[in-house]
Amino acid sequence: CLHPDAVSAHDGAKHATTDFSVLEDVGKRAAWVALVPVTG
């Protein structure tokens, strides 16, 4: 993973975007998460 501003400085690097939403959790130990890969 790279900071978005550093992508252009690395050969072959690509921007990537993911949306996430927590649906349920077990305290702070684990979570059920929905994910949408805006990029692939």
PDB file of all heavy atoms in Angstrom:
ATOM      1  N   CYS A   1       0.824  -1.201   0.000  1.00  0.00           N
ATOM      2  CA  CYS A   1       0.000   0.000   0.000  1.00  0.00           C
ATOM      3  C   CYS A   1       0.861   1.254   0.000  1.00  0.00           C
ATOM      4  O   CYS A   1       1.914   1.313   0.644  1.00  0.00           O
ATOM      5  CB  CYS A   1      -0.919   0.006   1.218  1.00  0.00           C
ATOM      6  SG  CYS A   1      -2.290  -1.173   1.127  1.00  0.00           S
ATOM      7  N   LEU A   2       0.391   2.265  -0.721  1.00  0.00           N
ATOM      8  CA  LEU A   2       1.086   3.545  -0.826  1.00  0.00           C
ATOM      9  C   LEU A   2       0.112   4.677  -0.531  1.00  0.00           C
ATOM     10  O   LEU A   2      -1.085   4.585  -0.840  1.00  0.00           O
ATOM     11  CB  LEU A   2       1.627   3.745  -2.248  1.00  0.00           C
ATOM     12  CG  LEU A   2       2.615   2.721  -2.802  1.00  0.00           C
ATOM     13  CD1 LEU A   2       2.830   2.981  -4.295  1.00  0.00           C
ATOM     14  CD2 LEU A   2       3.941   2.808  -2.061  1.00  0.00           C
ATOM     15  N   HIS A   3       0.627   5.760   0.033  1.00  0.00           N
ATOM     16  CA  HIS A   3      -0.199   6.956   0.176  1.00  0.00           C
ATOM     17  C   HIS A   3      -0.622   7.407  -1.224  1.00  0.00           C
ATOM     18  O   HIS A   3       0.182   7.339  -2.165  1.00  0.00           O
ATOM     19  CB  HIS A   3       0.598   8.065   0.864  1.00  0.00           C
ATOM     20  CG  HIS A   3      -0.238   9.260   1.223  1.00  0.00           C
ATOM     21  ND1 HIS A   3      -0.593  10.228   0.295  1.00  0.00           N
ATOM     22  CD2 HIS A   3      -0.801   9.640   2.407  1.00  0.00           C
ATOM     23  CE1 HIS A   3      -1.329  11.143   0.889  1.00  0.00           C
ATOM     24  NE2 HIS A   3      -1.466  10.813   2.171  1.00  0.00           N
ATOM     25  N   PRO A   4      -1.857   7.844  -1.400  1.00  0.00           N
ATOM     26  CA  PRO A   4      -2.311   8.241  -2.743  1.00  0.00           C
ATOM     27  C   PRO A   4      -1.384   9.229  -3.441  1.00  0.00           C
ATOM     28  O   PRO A   4      -1.206   9.165  -4.667  1.00  0.00           O
ATOM     29  CB  PRO A   4      -3.689   8.851  -2.476  1.00  0.00           C
ATOM     30  CG  PRO A   4      -4.164   8.180  -1.232  1.00  0.00           C
ATOM     31  CD  PRO A   4      -2.935   7.956  -0.401  1.00  0.00           C
ATOM     32  N   ASP A   5      -0.779  10.136  -2.675  1.00  0.00           N
ATOM     33  CA  ASP A   5       0.114  11.128  -3.281  1.00  0.00           C
ATOM     34  C   ASP A   5       1.425  10.518  -3.765  1.00  0.00           C
ATOM     35  O   ASP A   5       2.152  11.153  -4.533  1.00  0.00           O
ATOM     36  CB  ASP A   5       0.423  12.247  -2.281  1.00  0.00           C
ATOM     37  CG  ASP A   5      -0.803  13.088  -1.947  1.00  0.00           C
ATOM     38  OD1 ASP A   5      -1.779  13.028  -2.725  1.00  0.00           O
ATOM     39  OD2 ASP A   5      -0.789  13.788  -0.914  1.00  0.00           O
ATOM     40  N   ALA A   6       1.733   9.281  -3.324  1.00  0.00           N
ATOM     41  CA  ALA A   6       3.002   8.650  -3.698  1.00  0.00           C
ATOM     42  C   ALA A   6       2.864   7.710  -4.885  1.00  0.00           C
ATOM     43  O   ALA A   6       3.868   7.174  -5.370  1.00  0.00           O
ATOM     44  CB  ALA A   6       3.572   7.879  -2.500  1.00  0.00           C
ATOM     45  N   VAL A   7       1.645   7.514  -5.385  1.00  0.00           N
ATOM     46  CA  VAL A   7       1.423   6.555  -6.463  1.00  0.00           C
ATOM     47  C   VAL A   7       2.204   6.919  -7.716  1.00  0.00           C
ATOM     48  O   VAL A   7       2.841   6.074  -8.358  1.00  0.00           O
ATOM     49  CB  VAL A   7      -0.090   6.443  -6.780  1.00  0.00           C
ATOM     50  CG1 VAL A   7      -0.319   5.639  -8.062  1.00  0.00           C
ATOM     51  CG2 VAL A   7      -0.821   5.785  -5.614  1.00  0.00           C
ATOM     52  N   SER A   8       2.194   8.186  -8.089  1.00  0.00           N
ATOM     53  CA  SER A   8       2.854   8.610  -9.327  1.00  0.00           C
ATOM     54  C   SER A   8       4.365   8.440  -9.272  1.00  0.00           C
ATOM     55  O   SER A   8       5.024   8.397 -10.314  1.00  0.00           O
ATOM     56  CB  SER A   8       2.510  10.070  -9.627  1.00  0.00           C
ATOM     57  OG  SER A   8       2.945  10.912  -8.572  1.00  0.00           O
ATOM     58  N   ALA A   9       4.927   8.305  -8.076  1.00  0.00           N
ATOM     59  CA  ALA A   9       6.378   8.190  -7.928  1.00  0.00           C
ATOM     60  C   ALA A   9       6.862   6.748  -7.990  1.00  0.00           C
ATOM     61  O   ALA A   9       8.067   6.499  -7.930  1.00  0.00           O
ATOM     62  CB  ALA A   9       6.824   8.825  -6.614  1.00  0.00           C
ATOM     63  N   HIS A  10       5.962   5.784  -8.110  1.00  0.00           N
ATOM     64  CA  HIS A  10       6.334   4.374  -8.121  1.00  0.00           C
ATOM     65  C   HIS A  10       5.897   3.723  -9.434  1.00  0.00           C
ATOM     66  O   HIS A  10       4.705   3.740  -9.772  1.00  0.00           O
ATOM     67  CB  HIS A  10       5.691   3.633  -6.941  1.00  0.00           C
ATOM     68  CG  HIS A  10       6.264   4.010  -5.609  1.00  0.00           C
ATOM     69  ND1 HIS A  10       5.938   5.192  -4.974  1.00  0.00           N
ATOM     70  CD2 HIS A  10       7.150   3.356  -4.797  1.00  0.00           C
ATOM     71  CE1 HIS A  10       6.581   5.246  -3.813  1.00  0.00           C
ATOM     72  NE2 HIS A  10       7.315   4.156  -3.689  1.00  0.00           N
ATOM     73  N   ASP A  11       6.848   3.147 -10.151  1.00  0.00           N
ATOM     74  CA  ASP A  11       6.559   2.493 -11.420  1.00  0.00           C
ATOM     75  C   ASP A  11       5.599   1.321 -11.211  1.00  0.00           C
ATOM     76  O   ASP A  11       5.836   0.461 -10.361  1.00  0.00           O
ATOM     77  CB  ASP A  11       7.863   1.996 -12.052  1.00  0.00           C
ATOM     78  CG  ASP A  11       7.639   1.374 -13.432  1.00  0.00           C
ATOM     79  OD1 ASP A  11       6.803   1.904 -14.168  1.00  0.00           O
ATOM     80  OD2 ASP A  11       8.304   0.366 -13.739  1.00  0.00           O
ATOM     81  N   GLY A  12       4.548   1.313 -11.969  1.00  0.00           N
ATOM     82  CA  GLY A  12       3.588   0.223 -11.878  1.00  0.00           C
ATOM     83  C   GLY A  12       2.539   0.386 -10.809  1.00  0.00           C
ATOM     84  O   GLY A  12       1.614  -0.434 -10.714  1.00  0.00           O
ATOM     85  N   ALA A  13       2.632   1.417  -9.966  1.00  0.00           N
ATOM     86  CA  ALA A  13       1.648   1.629  -8.906  1.00  0.00           C
ATOM     87  C   ALA A  13       0.333   2.133  -9.493  1.00  0.00           C
ATOM     88  O   ALA A  13       0.316   2.823 -10.521  1.00  0.00           O
ATOM     89  CB  ALA A  13       2.178   2.626  -7.877  1.00  0.00           C
ATOM     90  N   LYS A  14      -0.774   1.782  -8.829  1.00  0.00           N
ATOM     91  CA  LYS A  14      -2.090   2.199  -9.299  1.00  0.00           C
ATOM     92  C   LYS A  14      -2.920   2.694  -8.121  1.00  0.00           C
ATOM     93  O   LYS A  14      -2.792   2.197  -7.001  1.00  0.00           O
ATOM     94  CB  LYS A  14      -2.811   1.025  -9.974  1.00  0.00           C
ATOM     95  CG  LYS A  14      -2.128   0.516 -11.229  1.00  0.00           C
ATOM     96  CD  LYS A  14      -2.878  -0.662 -11.826  1.00  0.00           C
ATOM     97  CE  LYS A  14      -2.195  -1.182 -13.079  1.00  0.00           C
ATOM     98  NZ  LYS A  14      -2.912  -2.355 -13.653  1.00  0.00           N
ATOM     99  N   HIS A  15      -3.778   3.662  -8.391  1.00  0.00           N
ATOM    100  CA  HIS A  15      -4.712   4.115  -7.374  1.00  0.00           C
ATOM    101  C   HIS A  15      -5.746   3.019  -7.116  1.00  0.00           C
ATOM    102  O   HIS A  15      -6.095   2.254  -8.013  1.00  0.00           O
ATOM    103  CB  HIS A  15      -5.409   5.400  -7.826  1.00  0.00           C
ATOM    104  CG  HIS A  15      -4.510   6.598  -7.848  1.00  0.00           C
ATOM    105  ND1 HIS A  15      -4.165   7.292  -6.707  1.00  0.00           N
ATOM    106  CD2 HIS A  15      -3.867   7.218  -8.873  1.00  0.00           C
ATOM    107  CE1 HIS A  15      -3.355   8.287  -7.020  1.00  0.00           C
ATOM    108  NE2 HIS A  15      -3.150   8.267  -8.332  1.00  0.00           N
ATOM    109  N   ALA A  16      -6.224   2.938  -5.889  1.00  0.00           N
ATOM    110  CA  ALA A  16      -7.213   1.927  -5.525  1.00  0.00           C
ATOM    111  C   ALA A  16      -8.154   2.502  -4.480  1.00  0.00           C
ATOM    112  O   ALA A  16      -7.723   3.259  -3.596  1.00  0.00           O
ATOM    113  CB  ALA A  16      -6.530   0.670  -4.992  1.00  0.00           C
ATOM    114  N   THR A  17      -9.416   2.134  -4.573  1.00  0.00           N
ATOM    115  CA  THR A  17     -10.435   2.660  -3.656  1.00  0.00           C
ATOM    116  C   THR A  17     -11.359   1.537  -3.204  1.00  0.00           C
ATOM    117  O   THR A  17     -11.857   0.767  -4.023  1.00  0.00           O
ATOM    118  CB  THR A  17     -11.280   3.761  -4.342  1.00  0.00           C
ATOM    119  OG1 THR A  17     -10.412   4.795  -4.822  1.00  0.00           O
ATOM    120  CG2 THR A  17     -12.279   4.359  -3.369  1.00  0.00           C
ATOM    121  N   THR A  18     -11.571   1.446  -1.899  1.00  0.00           N
ATOM    122  CA  THR A  18     -12.450   0.446  -1.306  1.00  0.00           C
ATOM    123  C   THR A  18     -13.394   1.116  -0.319  1.00  0.00           C
ATOM    124  O   THR A  18     -12.946   1.872   0.551  1.00  0.00           O
ATOM    125  CB  THR A  18     -11.634  -0.633  -0.551  1.00  0.00           C
ATOM    126  OG1 THR A  18     -10.760  -1.303  -1.450  1.00  0.00           O
ATOM    127  CG2 THR A  18     -12.553  -1.634   0.121  1.00  0.00           C
ATOM    128  N   ASP A  19     -14.692   0.848  -0.443  1.00  0.00           N
ATOM    129  CA  ASP A  19     -15.666   1.279   0.565  1.00  0.00           C
ATOM    130  C   ASP A  19     -15.880   0.135   1.554  1.00  0.00           C
ATOM    131  O   ASP A  19     -15.905  -1.035   1.161  1.00  0.00           O
ATOM    132  CB  ASP A  19     -17.004   1.622  -0.083  1.00  0.00           C
ATOM    133  CG  ASP A  19     -16.939   2.873  -0.951  1.00  0.00           C
ATOM    134  OD1 ASP A  19     -16.083   3.739  -0.679  1.00  0.00           O
ATOM    135  OD2 ASP A  19     -17.732   2.972  -1.906  1.00  0.00           O
ATOM    136  N   PHE A  20     -16.025   0.459   2.844  1.00  0.00           N
ATOM    137  CA  PHE A  20     -16.299  -0.582   3.836  1.00  0.00           C
ATOM    138  C   PHE A  20     -17.406  -0.139   4.771  1.00  0.00           C
ATOM    139  O   PHE A  20     -17.636   1.051   4.994  1.00  0.00           O
ATOM    140  CB  PHE A  20     -15.037  -0.943   4.635  1.00  0.00           C
ATOM    141  CG  PHE A  20     -14.583   0.124   5.601  1.00  0.00           C
ATOM    142  CD1 PHE A  20     -15.064   0.163   6.908  1.00  0.00           C
ATOM    143  CD2 PHE A  20     -13.669   1.086   5.209  1.00  0.00           C
ATOM    144  CE1 PHE A  20     -14.648   1.145   7.790  1.00  0.00           C
ATOM    145  CE2 PHE A  20     -13.244   2.082   6.088  1.00  0.00           C
ATOM    146  CZ  PHE A  20     -13.734   2.110   7.382  1.00  0.00           C
ATOM    147  N   SER A  21     -18.117  -1.135   5.314  1.00  0.00           N
ATOM    148  CA  SER A  21     -19.179  -0.874   6.274  1.00  0.00           C
ATOM    149  C   SER A  21     -19.247  -2.039   7.257  1.00  0.00           C
ATOM    150  O   SER A  21     -19.339  -3.198   6.841  1.00  0.00           O
ATOM    151  CB  SER A  21     -20.530  -0.728   5.560  1.00  0.00           C
ATOM    152  OG  SER A  21     -21.584  -0.564   6.498  1.00  0.00           O
ATOM    153  N   VAL A  22     -19.164  -1.745   8.541  1.00  0.00           N
ATOM    154  CA  VAL A  22     -19.255  -2.781   9.572  1.00  0.00           C
ATOM    155  C   VAL A  22     -20.720  -3.135   9.787  1.00  0.00           C
ATOM    156  O   VAL A  22     -21.550  -2.271  10.092  1.00  0.00           O
ATOM    157  CB  VAL A  22     -18.616  -2.303  10.889  1.00  0.00           C
ATOM    158  CG1 VAL A  22     -18.817  -3.361  11.982  1.00  0.00           C
ATOM    159  CG2 VAL A  22     -17.128  -2.012  10.702  1.00  0.00           C
ATOM    160  N   LEU A  23     -21.049  -4.422   9.649  1.00  0.00           N
ATOM    161  CA  LEU A  23     -22.427  -4.882   9.824  1.00  0.00           C
ATOM    162  C   LEU A  23     -22.687  -5.384  11.240  1.00  0.00           C
ATOM    163  O   LEU A  23     -23.753  -5.149  11.799  1.00  0.00           O
ATOM    164  CB  LEU A  23     -22.745  -5.985   8.805  1.00  0.00           C
ATOM    165  CG  LEU A  23     -22.553  -5.590   7.330  1.00  0.00           C
ATOM    166  CD1 LEU A  23     -22.928  -6.754   6.423  1.00  0.00           C
ATOM    167  CD2 LEU A  23     -23.370  -4.361   6.986  1.00  0.00           C
ATOM    168  N   GLU A  24     -21.723  -6.113  11.805  1.00  0.00           N
ATOM    169  CA  GLU A  24     -21.812  -6.597  13.182  1.00  0.00           C
ATOM    170  C   GLU A  24     -20.390  -6.688  13.734  1.00  0.00           C
ATOM    171  O   GLU A  24     -19.416  -6.746  12.968  1.00  0.00           O
ATOM    172  CB  GLU A  24     -22.478  -7.979  13.255  1.00  0.00           C
ATOM    173  CG  GLU A  24     -23.957  -8.000  12.889  1.00  0.00           C
ATOM    174  CD  GLU A  24     -24.844  -7.364  13.942  1.00  0.00           C
ATOM    175  OE1 GLU A  24     -24.409  -7.268  15.119  1.00  0.00           O
ATOM    176  OE2 GLU A  24     -25.969  -6.954  13.593  1.00  0.00           O
ATOM    177  N   ASP A  25     -20.267  -6.721  15.053  1.00  0.00           N
ATOM    178  CA  ASP A  25     -18.932  -6.867  15.636  1.00  0.00           C
ATOM    179  C   ASP A  25     -19.007  -7.688  16.910  1.00  0.00           C
ATOM    180  O   ASP A  25     -20.088  -7.871  17.492  1.00  0.00           O
ATOM    181  CB  ASP A  25     -18.297  -5.498  15.911  1.00  0.00           C
ATOM    182  CG  ASP A  25     -19.082  -4.676  16.919  1.00  0.00           C
ATOM    183  OD1 ASP A  25     -19.005  -4.961  18.122  1.00  0.00           O
ATOM    184  OD2 ASP A  25     -19.805  -3.742  16.487  1.00  0.00           O
ATOM    185  N   VAL A  26     -17.846  -8.186  17.316  1.00  0.00           N
ATOM    186  CA  VAL A  26     -17.701  -8.906  18.581  1.00  0.00           C
ATOM    187  C   VAL A  26     -16.776  -8.052  19.444  1.00  0.00           C
ATOM    188  O   VAL A  26     -15.564  -8.256  19.501  1.00  0.00           O
ATOM    189  CB  VAL A  26     -17.107 -10.308  18.365  1.00  0.00           C
ATOM    190  CG1 VAL A  26     -17.017 -11.065  19.689  1.00  0.00           C
ATOM    191  CG2 VAL A  26     -17.946 -11.101  17.370  1.00  0.00           C
ATOM    192  N   GLY A  27     -17.359  -7.035  20.058  1.00  0.00           N
ATOM    193  CA  GLY A  27     -16.551  -6.085  20.806  1.00  0.00           C
ATOM    194  C   GLY A  27     -15.494  -5.467  19.908  1.00  0.00           C
ATOM    195  O   GLY A  27     -15.780  -5.018  18.797  1.00  0.00           O
ATOM    196  N   LYS A  28     -14.265  -5.488  20.369  1.00  0.00           N
ATOM    197  CA  LYS A  28     -13.161  -4.972  19.563  1.00  0.00           C
ATOM    198  C   LYS A  28     -12.354  -6.096  18.922  1.00  0.00           C
ATOM    199  O   LYS A  28     -11.325  -5.837  18.310  1.00  0.00           O
ATOM    200  CB  LYS A  28     -12.241  -4.115  20.432  1.00  0.00           C
ATOM    201  CG  LYS A  28     -12.895  -2.855  20.978  1.00  0.00           C
ATOM    202  CD  LYS A  28     -11.891  -2.036  21.799  1.00  0.00           C
ATOM    203  CE  LYS A  28     -12.537  -0.753  22.312  1.00  0.00           C
ATOM    204  NZ  LYS A  28     -11.564   0.054  23.102  1.00  0.00           N
ATOM    205  N   ARG A  29     -12.843  -7.346  19.033  1.00  0.00           N
ATOM    206  CA  ARG A  29     -12.024  -8.481  18.607  1.00  0.00           C
ATOM    207  C   ARG A  29     -12.225  -8.868  17.156  1.00  0.00           C
ATOM    208  O   ARG A  29     -11.287  -9.302  16.492  1.00  0.00           O
ATOM    209  CB  ARG A  29     -12.309  -9.700  19.503  1.00  0.00           C
ATOM    210  CG  ARG A  29     -11.405 -10.882  19.210  1.00  0.00           C
ATOM    211  CD  ARG A  29      -9.959 -10.519  19.497  1.00  0.00           C
ATOM    212  NE  ARG A  29      -9.023 -11.557  19.076  1.00  0.00           N
ATOM    213  CZ  ARG A  29      -8.431 -11.606  17.888  1.00  0.00           C
ATOM    214  NH1 ARG A  29      -8.700 -10.694  16.963  1.00  0.00           N
ATOM    215  NH2 ARG A  29      -7.559 -12.551  17.610  1.00  0.00           N
ATOM    216  N   ALA A  30     -13.437  -8.781  16.628  1.00  0.00           N
ATOM    217  CA  ALA A  30     -13.688  -9.184  15.248  1.00  0.00           C
ATOM    218  C   ALA A  30     -14.927  -8.467  14.733  1.00  0.00           C
ATOM    219  O   ALA A  30     -15.765  -7.999  15.518  1.00  0.00           O
ATOM    220  CB  ALA A  30     -13.876 -10.697  15.147  1.00  0.00           C
ATOM    221  N   ALA A  31     -15.033  -8.393  13.409  1.00  0.00           N
ATOM    222  CA  ALA A  31     -16.175  -7.711  12.817  1.00  0.00           C
ATOM    223  C   ALA A  31     -16.554  -8.350  11.490  1.00  0.00           C
ATOM    224  O   ALA A  31     -15.707  -8.874  10.764  1.00  0.00           O
ATOM    225  CB  ALA A  31     -15.856  -6.224  12.609  1.00  0.00           C
ATOM    226  N   TRP A  32     -17.848  -8.280  11.217  1.00  0.00           N
ATOM    227  CA  TRP A  32     -18.406  -8.674   9.917  1.00  0.00           C
ATOM    228  C   TRP A  32     -18.493  -7.396   9.094  1.00  0.00           C
ATOM    229  O   TRP A  32     -19.177  -6.446   9.469  1.00  0.00           O
ATOM    230  CB  TRP A  32     -19.761  -9.310  10.167  1.00  0.00           C
ATOM    231  CG  TRP A  32     -20.665  -9.510   8.981  1.00  0.00           C
ATOM    232  CD1 TRP A  32     -20.385  -9.398   7.659  1.00  0.00           C
ATOM    233  CD2 TRP A  32     -22.050  -9.889   9.072  1.00  0.00           C
ATOM    234  NE1 TRP A  32     -21.489  -9.682   6.897  1.00  0.00           N
ATOM    235  CE2 TRP A  32     -22.532  -9.985   7.743  1.00  0.00           C
ATOM    236  CE3 TRP A  32     -22.913 -10.155  10.121  1.00  0.00           C
ATOM    237  CZ2 TRP A  32     -23.848 -10.327   7.452  1.00  0.00           C
ATOM    238  CZ3 TRP A  32     -24.221 -10.504   9.828  1.00  0.00           C
ATOM    239  CH2 TRP A  32     -24.681 -10.594   8.511  1.00  0.00           C
ATOM    240  N   VAL A  33     -17.775  -7.386   7.973  1.00  0.00           N
ATOM    241  CA  VAL A  33     -17.641  -6.166   7.187  1.00  0.00           C
ATOM    242  C   VAL A  33     -18.110  -6.407   5.758  1.00  0.00           C
ATOM    243  O   VAL A  33     -17.816  -7.452   5.162  1.00  0.00           O
ATOM    244  CB  VAL A  33     -16.165  -5.688   7.181  1.00  0.00           C
ATOM    245  CG1 VAL A  33     -15.990  -4.445   6.322  1.00  0.00           C
ATOM    246  CG2 VAL A  33     -15.707  -5.399   8.610  1.00  0.00           C
ATOM    247  N   ALA A  34     -18.851  -5.443   5.217  1.00  0.00           N
ATOM    248  CA  ALA A  34     -19.185  -5.443   3.791  1.00  0.00           C
ATOM    249  C   ALA A  34     -18.175  -4.555   3.072  1.00  0.00           C
ATOM    250  O   ALA A  34     -17.805  -3.488   3.585  1.00  0.00           O
ATOM    251  CB  ALA A  34     -20.603  -4.915   3.575  1.00  0.00           C
ATOM    252  N   LEU A  35     -17.727  -5.006   1.908  1.00  0.00           N
ATOM    253  CA  LEU A  35     -16.683  -4.295   1.166  1.00  0.00           C
ATOM    254  C   LEU A  35     -17.111  -4.131  -0.294  1.00  0.00           C
ATOM    255  O   LEU A  35     -17.631  -5.074  -0.901  1.00  0.00           O
ATOM    256  CB  LEU A  35     -15.369  -5.077   1.203  1.00  0.00           C
ATOM    257  CG  LEU A  35     -14.775  -5.352   2.583  1.00  0.00           C
ATOM    258  CD1 LEU A  35     -13.684  -6.425   2.483  1.00  0.00           C
ATOM    259  CD2 LEU A  35     -14.212  -4.083   3.177  1.00  0.00           C
ATOM    260  N   VAL A  36     -16.858  -2.966  -0.842  1.00  0.00           N
ATOM    261  CA  VAL A  36     -17.103  -2.715  -2.264  1.00  0.00           C
ATOM    262  C   VAL A  36     -15.788  -2.260  -2.894  1.00  0.00           C
ATOM    263  O   VAL A  36     -15.250  -1.219  -2.527  1.00  0.00           O
ATOM    264  CB  VAL A  36     -18.180  -1.644  -2.491  1.00  0.00           C
ATOM    265  CG1 VAL A  36     -18.239  -1.245  -3.967  1.00  0.00           C
ATOM    266  CG2 VAL A  36     -19.544  -2.156  -2.037  1.00  0.00           C
ATOM    267  N   PRO A  37     -15.245  -3.047  -3.835  1.00  0.00           N
ATOM    268  CA  PRO A  37     -14.031  -2.619  -4.538  1.00  0.00           C
ATOM    269  C   PRO A  37     -14.399  -1.632  -5.648  1.00  0.00           C
ATOM    270  O   PRO A  37     -14.804  -2.032  -6.734  1.00  0.00           O
ATOM    271  CB  PRO A  37     -13.482  -3.938  -5.109  1.00  0.00           C
ATOM    272  CG  PRO A  37     -14.715  -4.779  -5.317  1.00  0.00           C
ATOM    273  CD  PRO A  37     -15.703  -4.378  -4.251  1.00  0.00           C
ATOM    274  N   VAL A  38     -14.269  -0.353  -5.363  1.00  0.00           N
ATOM    275  CA  VAL A  38     -14.597   0.662  -6.368  1.00  0.00           C
ATOM    276  C   VAL A  38     -13.671   0.513  -7.577  1.00  0.00           C
ATOM    277  O   VAL A  38     -14.081   0.661  -8.721  1.00  0.00           O
ATOM    278  CB  VAL A  38     -14.491   2.071  -5.762  1.00  0.00           C
ATOM    279  CG1 VAL A  38     -14.823   3.136  -6.811  1.00  0.00           C
ATOM    280  CG2 VAL A  38     -15.429   2.199  -4.554  1.00  0.00           C
ATOM    281  N   THR A  39     -12.409   0.198  -7.296  1.00  0.00           N
ATOM    282  CA  THR A  39     -11.475  -0.210  -8.340  1.00  0.00           C
ATOM    283  C   THR A  39     -11.234  -1.703  -8.184  1.00  0.00           C
ATOM    284  O   THR A  39     -11.590  -2.276  -7.163  1.00  0.00           O
ATOM    285  CB  THR A  39     -10.146   0.548  -8.225  1.00  0.00           C
ATOM    286  OG1 THR A  39      -9.637   0.390  -6.875  1.00  0.00           O
ATOM    287  CG2 THR A  39     -10.324   2.033  -8.518  1.00  0.00           C
ATOM    288  N   GLY A  40     -10.624  -2.334  -9.165  1.00  0.00           N
ATOM    289  CA  GLY A  40     -10.454  -3.788  -9.121  1.00  0.00           C
ATOM    290  C   GLY A  40      -9.002  -4.198  -9.221  1.00  0.00           C
ATOM    291  O   GLY A  40      -8.601  -4.799 -10.209  1.00  0.00           O
TER     292      GLY A  40
END
